[in-house]
Amino acid sequence: MIGSMGLAASIGLGVALTRPDRRVLVLDGDGNVLMNPGALASIGAAAPPNLHHVCFDNGAHASTGGQRTISDHVRLEEVARACGYRWSGRVETPEALAAEVPALLGREGPAFLLIRIALGPPGPPGPRIPHAPEAMTARLRRALGAAA
């Protein structure tokens, strides 16, 4: 995904509804979730049992230069639960993470797990994704069994 700008969960919802035979795992960041919190409500309303949503919360938009988010003022896992996710939780230690990820994947969705992580050192964002958007679209369509 190149610059999903808050749409990763919405894309995941579309995949989950289109392919109910597949488990859909959305890997998200706190900044992304905060850009489009309405996606949480859409997921809760649709209630796809095959959707599992993981949010890595470092308190920043790390991929765009480290601008701070407001995630320290919003319990995103509680927002997900209020929006209708069947389960939501939060982990802050490696031990809790090791226990909770297998449990998350065993739960009926929609399920949301917030993983609190440290903000990396300041600096420029990491390298750009080396694939053209058209190639990524074709790859996703193939993975979903759609015509490229």
N, C-alpha and C. Protein backbone atom coordinates (compact mmCIF):
# COMPACT_ATOMS: atom_id res chain seq x y z
N MET A 1 0.85 -1.17 0.00
CA MET A 1 0.00 0.00 0.00
C MET A 1 0.90 1.23 0.00
N ILE A 2 0.64 2.13 -0.87
CA ILE A 2 1.37 3.39 -0.90
C ILE A 2 0.45 4.48 -0.38
N GLY A 3 0.80 5.08 0.75
CA GLY A 3 0.06 6.22 1.28
C GLY A 3 -1.43 6.00 1.37
N SER A 4 -1.86 5.09 2.20
CA SER A 4 -3.30 4.78 2.28
C SER A 4 -4.11 5.91 2.90
N MET A 5 -3.47 6.87 3.57
CA MET A 5 -4.13 8.06 4.09
C MET A 5 -5.43 7.74 4.83
N GLY A 6 -5.36 6.80 5.74
CA GLY A 6 -6.50 6.48 6.57
C GLY A 6 -7.44 5.44 6.00
N LEU A 7 -7.09 4.84 4.87
CA LEU A 7 -8.02 3.93 4.21
C LEU A 7 -7.66 2.45 4.32
N ALA A 8 -6.63 2.10 5.05
CA ALA A 8 -6.25 0.68 5.15
C ALA A 8 -7.39 -0.16 5.68
N ALA A 9 -8.06 0.30 6.74
CA ALA A 9 -9.16 -0.47 7.32
C ALA A 9 -10.33 -0.56 6.36
N SER A 10 -10.61 0.50 5.62
CA SER A 10 -11.70 0.48 4.64
C SER A 10 -11.40 -0.52 3.52
N ILE A 11 -10.17 -0.54 3.07
CA ILE A 11 -9.77 -1.51 2.05
C ILE A 11 -9.91 -2.92 2.61
N GLY A 12 -9.45 -3.11 3.85
CA GLY A 12 -9.59 -4.42 4.50
C GLY A 12 -11.04 -4.85 4.62
N LEU A 13 -11.92 -3.91 4.94
CA LEU A 13 -13.35 -4.22 5.03
C LEU A 13 -13.88 -4.69 3.68
N GLY A 14 -13.51 -3.99 2.63
CA GLY A 14 -13.94 -4.41 1.29
C GLY A 14 -13.46 -5.80 0.94
N VAL A 15 -12.21 -6.10 1.27
CA VAL A 15 -11.67 -7.43 1.01
C VAL A 15 -12.42 -8.47 1.84
N ALA A 16 -12.64 -8.17 3.12
CA ALA A 16 -13.32 -9.13 4.00
C ALA A 16 -14.73 -9.44 3.52
N LEU A 17 -15.44 -8.43 3.04
CA LEU A 17 -16.80 -8.65 2.56
C LEU A 17 -16.83 -9.38 1.22
N THR A 18 -15.82 -9.10 0.39
CA THR A 18 -15.74 -9.73 -0.93
C THR A 18 -15.26 -11.17 -0.84
N ARG A 19 -14.38 -11.43 0.11
CA ARG A 19 -13.79 -12.77 0.25
C ARG A 19 -14.04 -13.30 1.66
N PRO A 20 -15.28 -13.66 1.99
CA PRO A 20 -15.57 -14.17 3.34
C PRO A 20 -14.89 -15.49 3.65
N ASP A 21 -14.35 -16.14 2.62
CA ASP A 21 -13.64 -17.40 2.80
C ASP A 21 -12.19 -17.18 3.26
N ARG A 22 -11.72 -15.96 3.31
CA ARG A 22 -10.33 -15.65 3.66
C ARG A 22 -10.27 -14.83 4.94
N ARG A 23 -9.25 -15.10 5.76
CA ARG A 23 -8.99 -14.24 6.91
C ARG A 23 -8.31 -12.98 6.40
N VAL A 24 -8.78 -11.84 6.86
CA VAL A 24 -8.21 -10.55 6.46
C VAL A 24 -7.57 -9.92 7.69
N LEU A 25 -6.29 -9.62 7.57
CA LEU A 25 -5.54 -9.00 8.66
C LEU A 25 -5.09 -7.62 8.20
N VAL A 26 -5.65 -6.59 8.82
CA VAL A 26 -5.28 -5.21 8.50
C VAL A 26 -4.19 -4.78 9.48
N LEU A 27 -3.04 -4.38 8.95
CA LEU A 27 -1.94 -3.85 9.77
C LEU A 27 -1.94 -2.34 9.57
N ASP A 28 -2.16 -1.63 10.64
CA ASP A 28 -2.45 -0.21 10.58
C ASP A 28 -1.57 0.55 11.57
N GLY A 29 -1.57 1.85 11.49
CA GLY A 29 -0.89 2.70 12.46
C GLY A 29 -1.88 3.64 13.10
N ASP A 30 -1.51 4.17 14.26
CA ASP A 30 -2.42 5.08 14.96
C ASP A 30 -2.76 6.30 14.12
N GLY A 31 -1.79 6.84 13.41
CA GLY A 31 -2.05 8.00 12.56
C GLY A 31 -3.06 7.68 11.47
N ASN A 32 -2.93 6.51 10.89
CA ASN A 32 -3.85 6.08 9.84
C ASN A 32 -5.27 5.93 10.38
N VAL A 33 -5.41 5.28 11.55
CA VAL A 33 -6.73 5.10 12.15
C VAL A 33 -7.35 6.45 12.49
N LEU A 34 -6.53 7.36 13.01
CA LEU A 34 -7.05 8.68 13.39
C LEU A 34 -7.43 9.53 12.18
N MET A 35 -6.86 9.25 11.00
CA MET A 35 -7.24 9.98 9.79
C MET A 35 -8.65 9.64 9.34
N ASN A 36 -9.10 8.42 9.63
CA ASN A 36 -10.41 7.99 9.15
C ASN A 36 -11.08 7.09 10.20
N PRO A 37 -11.44 7.65 11.34
CA PRO A 37 -12.07 6.82 12.37
C PRO A 37 -13.44 6.29 11.96
N GLY A 38 -14.04 6.89 10.94
CA GLY A 38 -15.32 6.38 10.45
C GLY A 38 -15.22 4.96 9.93
N ALA A 39 -14.02 4.54 9.52
CA ALA A 39 -13.84 3.16 9.06
C ALA A 39 -14.14 2.17 10.19
N LEU A 40 -13.82 2.55 11.43
CA LEU A 40 -14.10 1.67 12.56
C LEU A 40 -15.60 1.43 12.68
N ALA A 41 -16.40 2.49 12.51
CA ALA A 41 -17.85 2.35 12.58
C ALA A 41 -18.38 1.51 11.42
N SER A 42 -17.82 1.68 10.24
CA SER A 42 -18.25 0.88 9.09
C SER A 42 -17.95 -0.60 9.32
N ILE A 43 -16.78 -0.88 9.87
CA ILE A 43 -16.42 -2.27 10.16
C ILE A 43 -17.34 -2.83 11.23
N GLY A 44 -17.59 -2.06 12.28
CA GLY A 44 -18.48 -2.53 13.33
C GLY A 44 -19.88 -2.81 12.81
N ALA A 45 -20.39 -1.95 11.93
CA ALA A 45 -21.73 -2.13 11.39
C ALA A 45 -21.81 -3.36 10.48
N ALA A 46 -20.79 -3.56 9.65
CA ALA A 46 -20.79 -4.71 8.73
C ALA A 46 -20.47 -6.01 9.45
N ALA A 47 -19.68 -5.92 10.52
CA ALA A 47 -19.32 -7.06 11.37
C ALA A 47 -18.78 -8.28 10.63
N PRO A 48 -17.79 -8.10 9.76
CA PRO A 48 -17.25 -9.28 9.08
C PRO A 48 -16.48 -10.17 10.06
N PRO A 49 -16.86 -11.43 10.19
CA PRO A 49 -16.21 -12.30 11.16
C PRO A 49 -14.77 -12.66 10.80
N ASN A 50 -14.38 -12.39 9.56
CA ASN A 50 -13.04 -12.75 9.09
C ASN A 50 -12.05 -11.59 9.13
N LEU A 51 -12.42 -10.45 9.74
CA LEU A 51 -11.54 -9.28 9.74
C LEU A 51 -10.89 -9.11 11.11
N HIS A 52 -9.57 -9.03 11.10
CA HIS A 52 -8.76 -8.79 12.30
C HIS A 52 -7.90 -7.57 12.03
N HIS A 53 -7.95 -6.61 12.92
CA HIS A 53 -7.36 -5.29 12.72
C HIS A 53 -6.31 -5.05 13.81
N VAL A 54 -5.08 -4.85 13.40
CA VAL A 54 -3.98 -4.58 14.33
C VAL A 54 -3.51 -3.15 14.10
N CYS A 55 -3.41 -2.40 15.19
CA CYS A 55 -2.96 -1.01 15.12
C CYS A 55 -1.67 -0.86 15.91
N PHE A 56 -0.60 -0.48 15.23
CA PHE A 56 0.68 -0.20 15.87
C PHE A 56 0.67 1.27 16.26
N ASP A 57 0.70 1.54 17.55
CA ASP A 57 0.57 2.91 18.06
C ASP A 57 1.91 3.40 18.59
N ASN A 58 2.57 4.25 17.80
CA ASN A 58 3.82 4.87 18.24
C ASN A 58 3.62 6.36 18.53
N GLY A 59 2.39 6.83 18.45
CA GLY A 59 2.10 8.22 18.75
C GLY A 59 2.53 9.20 17.67
N ALA A 60 2.78 8.69 16.46
CA ALA A 60 3.27 9.58 15.41
C ALA A 60 2.91 9.06 14.02
N HIS A 61 2.97 9.96 13.06
CA HIS A 61 2.88 9.61 11.64
C HIS A 61 4.31 9.33 11.18
N ALA A 62 4.84 8.19 11.54
CA ALA A 62 6.26 7.92 11.31
C ALA A 62 6.62 7.89 9.82
N SER A 63 5.70 7.44 8.97
CA SER A 63 6.04 7.31 7.55
C SER A 63 6.10 8.65 6.83
N THR A 64 5.67 9.72 7.48
CA THR A 64 5.70 11.03 6.82
C THR A 64 6.60 12.04 7.54
N GLY A 65 7.39 11.58 8.47
CA GLY A 65 8.33 12.48 9.12
C GLY A 65 8.22 12.58 10.62
N GLY A 66 7.32 11.83 11.22
CA GLY A 66 7.27 11.78 12.68
C GLY A 66 6.37 12.79 13.35
N GLN A 67 5.45 13.40 12.60
CA GLN A 67 4.52 14.34 13.23
C GLN A 67 3.72 13.58 14.30
N ARG A 68 3.54 14.20 15.45
CA ARG A 68 2.83 13.57 16.56
C ARG A 68 1.34 13.42 16.24
N THR A 69 0.76 12.33 16.76
CA THR A 69 -0.69 12.15 16.69
C THR A 69 -1.28 12.46 18.07
N ILE A 70 -2.56 12.30 18.21
CA ILE A 70 -3.22 12.50 19.50
C ILE A 70 -3.58 11.17 20.15
N SER A 71 -2.91 10.10 19.76
CA SER A 71 -3.30 8.78 20.27
C SER A 71 -3.13 8.64 21.78
N ASP A 72 -2.31 9.48 22.39
CA ASP A 72 -2.19 9.40 23.85
C ASP A 72 -3.42 9.98 24.55
N HIS A 73 -4.32 10.61 23.80
CA HIS A 73 -5.56 11.16 24.35
C HIS A 73 -6.79 10.34 23.98
N VAL A 74 -6.61 9.34 23.12
CA VAL A 74 -7.74 8.54 22.62
C VAL A 74 -7.39 7.06 22.76
N ARG A 75 -8.22 6.32 23.46
CA ARG A 75 -8.02 4.87 23.58
C ARG A 75 -8.67 4.23 22.35
N LEU A 76 -7.87 4.05 21.30
CA LEU A 76 -8.42 3.56 20.04
C LEU A 76 -9.09 2.21 20.17
N GLU A 77 -8.59 1.35 21.06
CA GLU A 77 -9.23 0.05 21.24
C GLU A 77 -10.63 0.20 21.83
N GLU A 78 -10.83 1.22 22.65
CA GLU A 78 -12.17 1.48 23.20
C GLU A 78 -13.08 2.08 22.13
N VAL A 79 -12.52 2.89 21.25
CA VAL A 79 -13.30 3.43 20.14
C VAL A 79 -13.77 2.29 19.24
N ALA A 80 -12.85 1.36 18.93
CA ALA A 80 -13.22 0.22 18.09
C ALA A 80 -14.35 -0.58 18.72
N ARG A 81 -14.24 -0.84 20.01
CA ARG A 81 -15.28 -1.60 20.72
C ARG A 81 -16.61 -0.84 20.68
N ALA A 82 -16.57 0.47 20.92
CA ALA A 82 -17.79 1.28 20.88
C ALA A 82 -18.41 1.30 19.48
N CYS A 83 -17.58 1.14 18.46
CA CYS A 83 -18.07 1.13 17.08
C CYS A 83 -18.65 -0.21 16.66
N GLY A 84 -18.54 -1.22 17.52
CA GLY A 84 -19.17 -2.50 17.21
C GLY A 84 -18.24 -3.66 16.96
N TYR A 85 -16.93 -3.47 17.11
CA TYR A 85 -16.03 -4.62 17.01
C TYR A 85 -16.42 -5.63 18.09
N ARG A 86 -16.39 -6.91 17.75
CA ARG A 86 -16.77 -7.94 18.72
C ARG A 86 -15.78 -8.00 19.88
N TRP A 87 -14.53 -7.71 19.60
CA TRP A 87 -13.49 -7.76 20.63
C TRP A 87 -12.47 -6.68 20.34
N SER A 88 -11.91 -6.12 21.39
CA SER A 88 -10.79 -5.19 21.24
C SER A 88 -9.90 -5.32 22.46
N GLY A 89 -8.62 -5.07 22.26
CA GLY A 89 -7.67 -5.14 23.36
C GLY A 89 -6.45 -4.29 23.08
N ARG A 90 -5.58 -4.25 24.07
CA ARG A 90 -4.37 -3.41 24.01
C ARG A 90 -3.24 -4.17 24.68
N VAL A 91 -2.06 -4.13 24.08
CA VAL A 91 -0.87 -4.70 24.70
C VAL A 91 0.24 -3.67 24.69
N GLU A 92 1.08 -3.75 25.73
CA GLU A 92 2.17 -2.78 25.86
C GLU A 92 3.51 -3.44 26.16
N THR A 93 3.54 -4.77 26.28
CA THR A 93 4.79 -5.47 26.57
C THR A 93 4.99 -6.61 25.58
N PRO A 94 6.23 -7.02 25.35
CA PRO A 94 6.47 -8.17 24.47
C PRO A 94 5.78 -9.44 24.96
N GLU A 95 5.72 -9.62 26.27
CA GLU A 95 5.09 -10.82 26.82
C GLU A 95 3.59 -10.83 26.52
N ALA A 96 2.96 -9.68 26.71
CA ALA A 96 1.52 -9.59 26.42
C ALA A 96 1.27 -9.78 24.92
N LEU A 97 2.15 -9.25 24.10
CA LEU A 97 2.02 -9.40 22.66
C LEU A 97 2.09 -10.87 22.26
N ALA A 98 3.06 -11.58 22.81
CA ALA A 98 3.23 -13.00 22.49
C ALA A 98 1.99 -13.81 22.84
N ALA A 99 1.32 -13.42 23.90
CA ALA A 99 0.11 -14.14 24.32
C ALA A 99 -1.11 -13.71 23.51
N GLU A 100 -1.18 -12.45 23.18
CA GLU A 100 -2.42 -11.92 22.61
C GLU A 100 -2.58 -12.12 21.11
N VAL A 101 -1.49 -12.14 20.35
CA VAL A 101 -1.63 -12.28 18.90
C VAL A 101 -2.28 -13.61 18.53
N PRO A 102 -1.82 -14.75 19.06
CA PRO A 102 -2.52 -16.00 18.72
C PRO A 102 -3.98 -15.98 19.17
N ALA A 103 -4.25 -15.38 20.32
CA ALA A 103 -5.63 -15.30 20.80
C ALA A 103 -6.47 -14.43 19.86
N LEU A 104 -5.90 -13.33 19.39
CA LEU A 104 -6.61 -12.45 18.46
C LEU A 104 -7.03 -13.23 17.22
N LEU A 105 -6.10 -13.98 16.65
CA LEU A 105 -6.38 -14.68 15.41
C LEU A 105 -7.38 -15.81 15.60
N GLY A 106 -7.55 -16.27 16.84
CA GLY A 106 -8.54 -17.30 17.13
C GLY A 106 -9.93 -16.75 17.40
N ARG A 107 -10.05 -15.46 17.52
CA ARG A 107 -11.34 -14.83 17.82
C ARG A 107 -12.13 -14.56 16.54
N GLU A 108 -13.45 -14.56 16.69
CA GLU A 108 -14.30 -14.15 15.59
C GLU A 108 -14.22 -12.64 15.47
N GLY A 109 -14.11 -12.16 14.25
CA GLY A 109 -14.02 -10.74 14.03
C GLY A 109 -15.38 -10.09 13.93
N PRO A 110 -15.39 -8.81 13.78
CA PRO A 110 -14.19 -8.00 13.74
C PRO A 110 -13.55 -7.88 15.12
N ALA A 111 -12.23 -7.97 15.11
CA ALA A 111 -11.44 -7.87 16.34
C ALA A 111 -10.34 -6.85 16.12
N PHE A 112 -10.00 -6.11 17.17
CA PHE A 112 -9.04 -5.00 17.08
C PHE A 112 -8.02 -5.15 18.20
N LEU A 113 -6.76 -5.12 17.85
CA LEU A 113 -5.69 -5.16 18.85
C LEU A 113 -4.78 -3.96 18.64
N LEU A 114 -4.64 -3.14 19.67
CA LEU A 114 -3.71 -2.02 19.65
C LEU A 114 -2.41 -2.48 20.30
N ILE A 115 -1.31 -2.30 19.59
CA ILE A 115 0.01 -2.65 20.10
C ILE A 115 0.78 -1.36 20.29
N ARG A 116 1.05 -1.03 21.53
CA ARG A 116 1.80 0.20 21.84
C ARG A 116 3.27 -0.07 21.57
N ILE A 117 3.88 0.74 20.72
CA ILE A 117 5.28 0.58 20.37
C ILE A 117 6.01 1.90 20.58
N ALA A 118 7.32 1.82 20.66
CA ALA A 118 8.13 3.02 20.85
C ALA A 118 8.28 3.77 19.53
N LEU A 119 8.35 5.07 19.62
CA LEU A 119 8.64 5.90 18.46
C LEU A 119 10.13 5.79 18.18
N GLY A 120 10.47 5.52 16.94
CA GLY A 120 11.87 5.41 16.57
C GLY A 120 12.58 6.75 16.65
N PRO A 121 13.87 6.74 16.40
CA PRO A 121 14.63 8.00 16.47
C PRO A 121 14.17 8.97 15.39
N PRO A 122 14.30 10.28 15.66
CA PRO A 122 13.89 11.26 14.65
C PRO A 122 14.74 11.12 13.40
N GLY A 123 14.16 11.46 12.31
CA GLY A 123 14.87 11.40 11.04
C GLY A 123 13.90 11.31 9.90
N PRO A 124 14.43 11.22 8.70
CA PRO A 124 13.55 11.14 7.53
C PRO A 124 12.80 9.81 7.53
N PRO A 125 11.66 9.77 6.84
CA PRO A 125 10.94 8.51 6.71
C PRO A 125 11.81 7.46 6.05
N GLY A 126 11.41 6.21 6.21
CA GLY A 126 12.15 5.11 5.59
C GLY A 126 12.05 5.16 4.08
N PRO A 127 12.66 4.19 3.42
CA PRO A 127 12.67 4.19 1.95
C PRO A 127 11.26 4.02 1.38
N ARG A 128 11.06 4.55 0.20
CA ARG A 128 9.79 4.40 -0.50
C ARG A 128 9.62 2.95 -0.92
N ILE A 129 8.39 2.56 -1.11
CA ILE A 129 8.10 1.22 -1.60
C ILE A 129 8.59 1.15 -3.04
N PRO A 130 9.37 0.11 -3.39
CA PRO A 130 10.01 0.09 -4.71
C PRO A 130 9.11 -0.39 -5.85
N HIS A 131 7.81 -0.55 -5.62
CA HIS A 131 6.92 -1.05 -6.66
C HIS A 131 6.01 0.07 -7.15
N ALA A 132 5.75 0.08 -8.43
CA ALA A 132 4.82 1.06 -9.00
C ALA A 132 3.41 0.76 -8.51
N PRO A 133 2.58 1.79 -8.35
CA PRO A 133 1.20 1.55 -7.91
C PRO A 133 0.45 0.55 -8.79
N GLU A 134 0.67 0.61 -10.10
CA GLU A 134 0.00 -0.32 -11.01
C GLU A 134 0.40 -1.76 -10.73
N ALA A 135 1.68 -1.98 -10.43
CA ALA A 135 2.15 -3.34 -10.11
C ALA A 135 1.55 -3.82 -8.80
N MET A 136 1.42 -2.92 -7.85
CA MET A 136 0.83 -3.31 -6.57
C MET A 136 -0.65 -3.63 -6.73
N THR A 137 -1.35 -2.88 -7.57
CA THR A 137 -2.76 -3.16 -7.84
C THR A 137 -2.91 -4.53 -8.47
N ALA A 138 -2.09 -4.82 -9.46
CA ALA A 138 -2.15 -6.13 -10.13
C ALA A 138 -1.85 -7.25 -9.14
N ARG A 139 -0.89 -7.05 -8.27
CA ARG A 139 -0.54 -8.07 -7.28
C ARG A 139 -1.70 -8.31 -6.32
N LEU A 140 -2.35 -7.25 -5.86
CA LEU A 140 -3.50 -7.41 -4.96
C LEU A 140 -4.64 -8.13 -5.68
N ARG A 141 -4.91 -7.75 -6.90
CA ARG A 141 -6.00 -8.40 -7.65
C ARG A 141 -5.71 -9.89 -7.83
N ARG A 142 -4.47 -10.24 -8.12
CA ARG A 142 -4.12 -11.67 -8.25
C ARG A 142 -4.33 -12.39 -6.93
N ALA A 143 -3.90 -11.78 -5.84
CA ALA A 143 -4.04 -12.41 -4.52
C ALA A 143 -5.50 -12.62 -4.16
N LEU A 144 -6.37 -11.75 -4.62
CA LEU A 144 -7.80 -11.86 -4.33
C LEU A 144 -8.53 -12.74 -5.33
N GLY A 145 -7.81 -13.19 -6.36
CA GLY A 145 -8.44 -14.04 -7.36
C GLY A 145 -9.26 -13.27 -8.38
N ALA A 146 -8.98 -11.98 -8.52
CA ALA A 146 -9.69 -11.14 -9.49
C ALA A 146 -8.85 -11.03 -10.76
N ALA A 147 -9.49 -10.72 -11.85
CA ALA A 147 -8.75 -10.53 -13.10
C ALA A 147 -7.86 -9.31 -12.98
N ALA A 148 -6.61 -9.45 -13.40
CA ALA A 148 -5.67 -8.34 -13.36
C ALA A 148 -5.94 -7.44 -14.53
